[in-house]
């Protein structure tokens, strides 16, 4: 379902500022607010924006504590990410994939402390992934230029 939403300029400004502060897009923030309002997120659960903030903080702390050349996946770098279930109410949960794609697209190589992180690529041009859960593998590589890819 798609809903057209026309907030007042003041509400738009408030939503935009809060989304920037949380590091999420406005759509995610509005979705979280509505889910909270209607009780669809249990009080003991985190919203998507809170979950992303915690995960990216954990990954940042992990990266800062590792040496150059260390390969890792998000499951290794964040206990919160590792604990996200692959199924939610009997249906596949897409949140893990969404967070992984967001990390790769918006953070890897672009934002501190992820400037020196690169996704690892195989010689055949495909991304290197873990055997168990098919998660993308990243490497801490301070000697690479920003737009280079790491090939094995």
N, C-alpha and C. Protein backbone atom coordinates (compact mmCIF):
# COMPACT_ATOMS: atom_id res chain seq x y z
N UNK A 1 0.84 -1.17 0.00
CA UNK A 1 0.00 0.00 0.00
C UNK A 1 0.88 1.24 0.00
N UNK A 2 0.51 2.19 -0.78
CA UNK A 2 1.19 3.48 -0.80
C UNK A 2 0.20 4.54 -0.34
N UNK A 3 0.71 5.47 0.44
CA UNK A 3 -0.12 6.55 0.95
C UNK A 3 0.56 7.87 0.62
N UNK A 4 -0.19 8.79 0.05
CA UNK A 4 0.35 10.12 -0.18
C UNK A 4 0.15 10.93 1.09
N UNK A 5 1.19 11.63 1.47
CA UNK A 5 1.19 12.34 2.73
C UNK A 5 1.71 13.76 2.48
N UNK A 6 0.93 14.76 2.87
CA UNK A 6 1.29 16.15 2.63
C UNK A 6 1.38 16.89 3.97
N UNK A 7 2.54 16.79 4.63
CA UNK A 7 2.69 17.47 5.93
C UNK A 7 2.81 18.98 5.75
N UNK A 8 2.46 19.70 6.80
CA UNK A 8 2.67 21.15 6.80
C UNK A 8 4.17 21.40 6.74
N UNK A 9 4.58 22.59 6.34
CA UNK A 9 6.03 22.88 6.31
C UNK A 9 6.70 22.68 7.67
N UNK A 10 5.99 23.01 8.74
CA UNK A 10 6.56 22.84 10.09
C UNK A 10 6.75 21.36 10.42
N UNK A 11 5.73 20.53 10.09
CA UNK A 11 5.84 19.10 10.35
C UNK A 11 6.91 18.48 9.47
N UNK A 12 6.98 18.89 8.23
CA UNK A 12 8.01 18.38 7.32
C UNK A 12 9.40 18.70 7.87
N UNK A 13 9.59 19.91 8.35
CA UNK A 13 10.87 20.32 8.92
C UNK A 13 11.21 19.47 10.16
N UNK A 14 10.23 19.26 11.02
CA UNK A 14 10.46 18.45 12.22
C UNK A 14 10.81 17.01 11.87
N UNK A 15 10.08 16.42 10.92
CA UNK A 15 10.35 15.04 10.51
C UNK A 15 11.73 14.92 9.86
N UNK A 16 12.06 15.88 9.02
CA UNK A 16 13.36 15.86 8.35
C UNK A 16 14.49 15.98 9.36
N UNK A 17 14.36 16.88 10.30
CA UNK A 17 15.41 17.06 11.32
C UNK A 17 15.57 15.83 12.19
N UNK A 18 14.46 15.23 12.62
CA UNK A 18 14.55 14.04 13.46
C UNK A 18 15.13 12.87 12.68
N UNK A 19 14.73 12.72 11.42
CA UNK A 19 15.26 11.63 10.59
C UNK A 19 16.78 11.78 10.42
N UNK A 20 17.25 13.01 10.19
CA UNK A 20 18.69 13.25 10.06
C UNK A 20 19.40 12.92 11.36
N UNK A 21 18.81 13.30 12.48
CA UNK A 21 19.41 13.04 13.78
C UNK A 21 19.52 11.54 14.03
N UNK A 22 18.51 10.78 13.62
CA UNK A 22 18.52 9.33 13.81
C UNK A 22 19.31 8.60 12.72
N UNK A 23 19.62 9.30 11.64
CA UNK A 23 20.37 8.67 10.55
C UNK A 23 19.53 7.76 9.68
N UNK A 24 18.23 8.08 9.56
CA UNK A 24 17.33 7.29 8.72
C UNK A 24 16.62 8.22 7.76
N UNK A 25 15.91 7.64 6.79
CA UNK A 25 15.12 8.50 5.91
C UNK A 25 13.77 8.80 6.56
N UNK A 26 13.08 9.80 6.04
CA UNK A 26 11.81 10.25 6.63
C UNK A 26 10.77 9.14 6.57
N UNK A 27 10.76 8.36 5.50
CA UNK A 27 9.80 7.27 5.36
C UNK A 27 9.93 6.26 6.51
N UNK A 28 11.16 5.89 6.85
CA UNK A 28 11.40 4.96 7.96
C UNK A 28 10.92 5.55 9.27
N UNK A 29 11.20 6.82 9.48
CA UNK A 29 10.77 7.50 10.71
C UNK A 29 9.25 7.52 10.82
N UNK A 30 8.56 7.91 9.75
CA UNK A 30 7.09 7.96 9.77
C UNK A 30 6.52 6.56 10.02
N UNK A 31 7.09 5.56 9.37
CA UNK A 31 6.64 4.18 9.58
C UNK A 31 6.81 3.77 11.04
N UNK A 32 7.97 4.09 11.63
CA UNK A 32 8.21 3.78 13.04
C UNK A 32 7.21 4.49 13.95
N UNK A 33 6.98 5.78 13.69
CA UNK A 33 6.05 6.54 14.51
C UNK A 33 4.63 5.97 14.45
N UNK A 34 4.19 5.59 13.26
CA UNK A 34 2.85 5.01 13.12
C UNK A 34 2.78 3.63 13.79
N UNK A 35 3.81 2.81 13.62
CA UNK A 35 3.82 1.51 14.28
C UNK A 35 3.78 1.65 15.80
N UNK A 36 4.52 2.61 16.33
CA UNK A 36 4.48 2.87 17.77
C UNK A 36 3.11 3.37 18.20
N UNK A 37 2.54 4.28 17.44
CA UNK A 37 1.24 4.84 17.78
C UNK A 37 0.15 3.76 17.84
N UNK A 38 0.18 2.83 16.90
CA UNK A 38 -0.84 1.79 16.84
C UNK A 38 -0.46 0.52 17.61
N UNK A 39 0.63 0.58 18.35
CA UNK A 39 1.01 -0.55 19.20
C UNK A 39 1.51 -1.76 18.43
N UNK A 40 2.01 -1.56 17.23
CA UNK A 40 2.49 -2.67 16.41
C UNK A 40 3.94 -3.02 16.69
N UNK A 41 4.63 -2.17 17.44
CA UNK A 41 5.97 -2.47 17.92
C UNK A 41 5.85 -2.65 19.43
N UNK A 42 6.09 -3.86 19.91
CA UNK A 42 5.99 -4.07 21.36
C UNK A 42 6.93 -3.14 22.12
N UNK A 43 6.56 -2.79 23.32
CA UNK A 43 7.35 -1.87 24.15
C UNK A 43 8.77 -2.39 24.36
N UNK A 44 8.95 -3.71 24.31
CA UNK A 44 10.27 -4.28 24.54
C UNK A 44 11.10 -4.36 23.26
N UNK A 45 10.53 -4.00 22.13
CA UNK A 45 11.23 -4.06 20.85
C UNK A 45 11.72 -2.68 20.44
N UNK A 46 12.70 -2.68 19.57
CA UNK A 46 13.24 -1.44 19.04
C UNK A 46 12.59 -1.13 17.69
N UNK A 47 12.42 0.15 17.40
CA UNK A 47 11.94 0.55 16.09
C UNK A 47 13.07 0.35 15.09
N UNK A 48 12.74 0.39 13.80
CA UNK A 48 13.77 0.22 12.77
C UNK A 48 14.84 1.29 12.87
N UNK A 49 14.45 2.53 13.14
CA UNK A 49 15.44 3.60 13.23
C UNK A 49 16.35 3.40 14.45
N UNK A 50 15.79 3.00 15.58
CA UNK A 50 16.61 2.74 16.77
C UNK A 50 17.54 1.56 16.53
N UNK A 51 17.03 0.52 15.88
CA UNK A 51 17.81 -0.67 15.58
C UNK A 51 19.00 -0.32 14.69
N UNK A 52 18.76 0.46 13.64
CA UNK A 52 19.84 0.87 12.74
C UNK A 52 20.90 1.69 13.48
N UNK A 53 20.46 2.61 14.30
CA UNK A 53 21.40 3.45 15.04
C UNK A 53 22.31 2.60 15.93
N UNK A 54 21.74 1.65 16.64
CA UNK A 54 22.51 0.77 17.52
C UNK A 54 23.48 -0.08 16.72
N UNK A 55 23.00 -0.66 15.63
CA UNK A 55 23.84 -1.55 14.81
C UNK A 55 25.02 -0.79 14.22
N UNK A 56 24.77 0.38 13.63
CA UNK A 56 25.87 1.13 13.02
C UNK A 56 26.86 1.63 14.06
N UNK A 57 26.41 1.90 15.27
CA UNK A 57 27.31 2.26 16.37
C UNK A 57 28.19 1.06 16.73
N UNK A 58 27.57 -0.12 16.86
CA UNK A 58 28.34 -1.33 17.19
C UNK A 58 29.36 -1.66 16.10
N UNK A 59 28.96 -1.54 14.85
CA UNK A 59 29.89 -1.82 13.74
C UNK A 59 31.02 -0.80 13.75
N UNK A 60 30.70 0.47 14.01
CA UNK A 60 31.74 1.49 14.09
C UNK A 60 32.74 1.20 15.19
N UNK A 61 32.25 0.80 16.36
CA UNK A 61 33.13 0.45 17.47
C UNK A 61 34.01 -0.75 17.11
N UNK A 62 33.41 -1.75 16.44
CA UNK A 62 34.15 -2.93 16.01
C UNK A 62 35.28 -2.54 15.06
N UNK A 63 34.95 -1.73 14.06
CA UNK A 63 35.94 -1.31 13.06
C UNK A 63 37.10 -0.56 13.71
N UNK A 64 36.78 0.31 14.65
CA UNK A 64 37.83 1.09 15.33
C UNK A 64 38.78 0.20 16.12
N UNK A 65 38.30 -0.95 16.57
CA UNK A 65 39.12 -1.82 17.43
C UNK A 65 39.89 -2.89 16.64
N UNK A 66 39.75 -2.91 15.32
CA UNK A 66 40.39 -3.95 14.50
C UNK A 66 41.59 -3.40 13.74
N UNK A 67 42.41 -4.32 13.25
CA UNK A 67 43.61 -3.96 12.50
C UNK A 67 43.32 -3.93 11.01
N UNK A 68 44.19 -3.23 10.29
CA UNK A 68 44.15 -3.19 8.84
C UNK A 68 44.22 -4.62 8.28
N UNK A 69 43.38 -4.94 7.31
CA UNK A 69 43.36 -6.26 6.70
C UNK A 69 42.34 -7.21 7.30
N UNK A 70 41.68 -6.82 8.38
CA UNK A 70 40.69 -7.67 9.04
C UNK A 70 39.45 -7.79 8.15
N UNK A 71 39.05 -9.03 7.84
CA UNK A 71 37.81 -9.29 7.12
C UNK A 71 36.71 -9.59 8.14
N UNK A 72 35.50 -9.13 7.85
CA UNK A 72 34.38 -9.34 8.76
C UNK A 72 33.07 -9.24 8.00
N UNK A 73 32.00 -9.73 8.63
CA UNK A 73 30.65 -9.49 8.13
C UNK A 73 29.88 -8.79 9.24
N UNK A 74 28.68 -8.33 8.94
CA UNK A 74 27.92 -7.57 9.94
C UNK A 74 27.54 -8.43 11.15
N UNK A 75 27.36 -9.73 10.96
CA UNK A 75 27.04 -10.60 12.09
C UNK A 75 28.17 -10.64 13.10
N UNK A 76 29.41 -10.59 12.63
CA UNK A 76 30.56 -10.58 13.52
C UNK A 76 30.73 -9.23 14.20
N UNK A 77 30.41 -8.16 13.47
CA UNK A 77 30.67 -6.81 13.96
C UNK A 77 29.60 -6.29 14.91
N UNK A 78 28.39 -6.86 14.87
CA UNK A 78 27.29 -6.34 15.69
C UNK A 78 26.46 -7.49 16.28
N UNK A 79 26.46 -7.58 17.59
CA UNK A 79 25.62 -8.59 18.25
C UNK A 79 24.14 -8.31 18.01
N UNK A 80 23.77 -7.04 17.97
CA UNK A 80 22.37 -6.69 17.73
C UNK A 80 21.94 -7.17 16.36
N UNK A 81 22.78 -6.95 15.34
CA UNK A 81 22.47 -7.40 13.98
C UNK A 81 22.37 -8.92 13.95
N UNK A 82 23.31 -9.60 14.62
CA UNK A 82 23.34 -11.06 14.63
C UNK A 82 22.06 -11.63 15.25
N UNK A 83 21.49 -10.92 16.22
CA UNK A 83 20.32 -11.42 16.93
C UNK A 83 18.99 -11.14 16.22
N UNK A 84 19.01 -10.41 15.12
CA UNK A 84 17.77 -10.16 14.38
C UNK A 84 17.33 -11.47 13.74
N UNK A 85 16.09 -11.84 13.96
CA UNK A 85 15.56 -13.08 13.39
C UNK A 85 15.34 -12.97 11.90
N UNK A 86 15.45 -14.09 11.22
CA UNK A 86 15.22 -14.11 9.77
C UNK A 86 13.73 -14.26 9.45
N UNK A 87 12.93 -14.57 10.48
CA UNK A 87 11.49 -14.75 10.30
C UNK A 87 10.77 -13.89 11.33
N UNK A 88 9.69 -13.24 10.90
CA UNK A 88 8.89 -12.40 11.80
C UNK A 88 7.43 -12.77 11.60
N UNK A 89 6.80 -13.31 12.65
CA UNK A 89 5.41 -13.76 12.61
C UNK A 89 5.16 -14.73 11.45
N UNK A 90 6.09 -15.67 11.25
CA UNK A 90 5.92 -16.70 10.24
C UNK A 90 6.24 -16.27 8.83
N UNK A 91 6.61 -15.02 8.62
CA UNK A 91 6.96 -14.52 7.29
C UNK A 91 8.43 -14.14 7.28
N UNK A 92 9.08 -14.20 6.11
CA UNK A 92 10.48 -13.78 6.06
C UNK A 92 10.63 -12.33 6.49
N UNK A 93 11.63 -12.07 7.30
CA UNK A 93 11.92 -10.71 7.75
C UNK A 93 12.94 -10.08 6.82
N UNK A 94 12.64 -8.89 6.33
CA UNK A 94 13.54 -8.24 5.38
C UNK A 94 14.45 -7.22 6.05
N UNK A 95 14.27 -6.99 7.33
CA UNK A 95 15.02 -5.93 8.00
C UNK A 95 16.54 -6.16 7.95
N UNK A 96 16.98 -7.41 8.09
CA UNK A 96 18.40 -7.70 8.05
C UNK A 96 18.99 -7.34 6.69
N UNK A 97 18.30 -7.73 5.64
CA UNK A 97 18.76 -7.41 4.28
C UNK A 97 18.75 -5.90 4.05
N UNK A 98 17.72 -5.23 4.53
CA UNK A 98 17.65 -3.78 4.36
C UNK A 98 18.81 -3.07 5.04
N UNK A 99 19.13 -3.50 6.26
CA UNK A 99 20.23 -2.88 7.00
C UNK A 99 21.56 -3.17 6.31
N UNK A 100 21.75 -4.39 5.83
CA UNK A 100 22.97 -4.74 5.12
C UNK A 100 23.16 -3.92 3.86
N UNK A 101 22.10 -3.76 3.10
CA UNK A 101 22.17 -2.95 1.87
C UNK A 101 22.42 -1.49 2.19
N UNK A 102 21.77 -0.99 3.23
CA UNK A 102 21.98 0.41 3.64
C UNK A 102 23.43 0.62 4.07
N UNK A 103 23.97 -0.32 4.84
CA UNK A 103 25.35 -0.21 5.29
C UNK A 103 26.29 -0.13 4.08
N UNK A 104 26.10 -1.03 3.12
CA UNK A 104 26.96 -1.08 1.95
C UNK A 104 26.82 0.18 1.09
N UNK A 105 25.60 0.64 0.90
CA UNK A 105 25.33 1.76 0.01
C UNK A 105 25.69 3.12 0.63
N UNK A 106 25.33 3.34 1.89
CA UNK A 106 25.45 4.67 2.49
C UNK A 106 26.67 4.87 3.38
N UNK A 107 27.21 3.79 3.95
CA UNK A 107 28.25 3.94 4.95
C UNK A 107 29.64 3.49 4.47
N UNK A 108 29.72 2.34 3.83
CA UNK A 108 31.01 1.78 3.43
C UNK A 108 31.73 2.74 2.48
N UNK A 109 32.89 3.21 2.92
CA UNK A 109 33.70 4.10 2.12
C UNK A 109 33.24 5.56 2.09
N UNK A 110 32.17 5.89 2.82
CA UNK A 110 31.62 7.23 2.75
C UNK A 110 31.63 8.01 4.06
N UNK A 111 31.40 7.34 5.18
CA UNK A 111 31.21 8.02 6.46
C UNK A 111 32.19 7.43 7.48
N UNK A 112 32.80 8.30 8.29
CA UNK A 112 33.66 7.82 9.38
C UNK A 112 32.80 7.02 10.36
N UNK A 113 33.27 5.95 10.91
CA UNK A 113 34.59 5.35 10.80
C UNK A 113 34.69 4.31 9.69
N UNK A 114 33.82 4.39 8.68
CA UNK A 114 33.75 3.38 7.63
C UNK A 114 34.46 3.78 6.34
N UNK A 115 35.22 4.88 6.38
CA UNK A 115 35.92 5.37 5.19
C UNK A 115 36.86 4.31 4.62
N UNK A 116 37.52 3.55 5.47
CA UNK A 116 38.52 2.57 5.03
C UNK A 116 37.96 1.15 4.95
N UNK A 117 36.66 1.03 4.87
CA UNK A 117 36.02 -0.28 4.73
C UNK A 117 35.66 -0.48 3.27
N UNK A 118 35.90 -1.68 2.75
CA UNK A 118 35.53 -2.03 1.39
C UNK A 118 34.88 -3.40 1.38
N UNK A 119 33.97 -3.59 0.46
CA UNK A 119 33.41 -4.93 0.27
C UNK A 119 34.45 -5.75 -0.48
N UNK A 120 34.57 -7.02 -0.13
CA UNK A 120 35.55 -7.91 -0.77
C UNK A 120 34.89 -8.56 -1.98
N UNK A 121 35.61 -8.55 -3.09
CA UNK A 121 35.13 -9.13 -4.34
C UNK A 121 36.04 -10.28 -4.75
N UNK A 122 35.46 -11.32 -5.33
CA UNK A 122 36.24 -12.45 -5.84
C UNK A 122 36.79 -12.09 -7.22
N UNK A 123 37.76 -12.87 -7.69
CA UNK A 123 38.38 -12.62 -8.99
C UNK A 123 37.37 -12.68 -10.14
N UNK A 124 36.27 -13.44 -9.95
CA UNK A 124 35.26 -13.55 -11.00
C UNK A 124 34.28 -12.37 -11.01
N UNK A 125 34.53 -11.38 -10.15
CA UNK A 125 33.69 -10.18 -10.13
C UNK A 125 32.47 -10.28 -9.23
N UNK A 126 32.31 -11.38 -8.52
CA UNK A 126 31.18 -11.54 -7.60
C UNK A 126 31.62 -11.19 -6.18
N UNK A 127 30.68 -10.70 -5.37
CA UNK A 127 31.06 -10.37 -3.99
C UNK A 127 31.37 -11.63 -3.18
N UNK A 128 32.39 -11.54 -2.35
CA UNK A 128 32.72 -12.64 -1.45
C UNK A 128 31.70 -12.65 -0.32
N UNK A 129 31.17 -13.84 0.00
CA UNK A 129 30.16 -13.96 1.05
C UNK A 129 30.53 -15.08 1.99
N UNK A 130 29.95 -15.03 3.20
CA UNK A 130 30.19 -16.09 4.17
C UNK A 130 29.50 -17.36 3.71
N UNK A 131 30.02 -18.49 4.15
CA UNK A 131 29.47 -19.77 3.75
C UNK A 131 28.13 -20.04 4.44
N UNK A 132 28.06 -19.76 5.73
CA UNK A 132 26.88 -20.11 6.51
C UNK A 132 25.62 -19.33 6.20
N UNK A 133 25.74 -18.01 6.07
CA UNK A 133 24.52 -17.21 5.91
C UNK A 133 24.55 -16.29 4.69
N UNK A 134 25.55 -16.44 3.83
CA UNK A 134 25.64 -15.68 2.58
C UNK A 134 25.72 -14.17 2.81
N UNK A 135 26.33 -13.76 3.93
CA UNK A 135 26.48 -12.35 4.24
C UNK A 135 27.70 -11.79 3.51
N UNK A 136 27.59 -10.55 3.07
CA UNK A 136 28.71 -9.88 2.41
C UNK A 136 29.88 -9.74 3.37
N UNK A 137 31.08 -9.88 2.83
CA UNK A 137 32.29 -9.75 3.63
C UNK A 137 32.96 -8.42 3.28
N UNK A 138 33.40 -7.73 4.33
CA UNK A 138 34.07 -6.44 4.20
C UNK A 138 35.48 -6.57 4.74
N UNK A 139 36.35 -5.65 4.34
CA UNK A 139 37.72 -5.65 4.82
C UNK A 139 38.09 -4.22 5.23
N UNK A 140 38.88 -4.14 6.30
CA UNK A 140 39.43 -2.86 6.73
C UNK A 140 40.73 -2.69 5.95
N UNK A 141 40.77 -1.67 5.12
CA UNK A 141 41.91 -1.51 4.23
C UNK A 141 42.25 -0.03 4.10
N UNK A 142 43.08 0.46 4.98
CA UNK A 142 43.40 1.89 5.02
C UNK A 142 44.27 2.34 3.86
N UNK A 143 44.86 1.41 3.12
CA UNK A 143 45.76 1.81 2.04
C UNK A 143 45.07 1.91 0.68
N UNK A 144 43.77 1.67 0.61
CA UNK A 144 43.04 1.75 -0.65
C UNK A 144 42.53 3.15 -0.92
N UNK A 145 42.43 3.51 -2.17
CA UNK A 145 41.78 4.75 -2.55
C UNK A 145 40.27 4.56 -2.37
N UNK A 146 39.53 5.65 -2.26
CA UNK A 146 38.11 5.60 -1.93
C UNK A 146 37.29 4.74 -2.88
N UNK A 147 37.51 4.81 -4.18
CA UNK A 147 36.65 4.13 -5.13
C UNK A 147 37.17 2.79 -5.61
N UNK A 148 38.26 2.30 -5.05
CA UNK A 148 38.78 1.00 -5.44
C UNK A 148 37.97 -0.11 -4.79
N UNK A 149 37.97 -1.28 -5.44
CA UNK A 149 37.34 -2.46 -4.87
C UNK A 149 38.45 -3.42 -4.48
N UNK A 150 38.18 -4.24 -3.48
CA UNK A 150 39.15 -5.23 -3.03
C UNK A 150 38.83 -6.56 -3.71
N UNK A 151 39.78 -7.10 -4.49
CA UNK A 151 39.59 -8.38 -5.17
C UNK A 151 40.51 -9.41 -4.56
N UNK A 152 40.01 -10.64 -4.45
CA UNK A 152 40.83 -11.76 -3.98
C UNK A 152 41.04 -12.72 -5.11
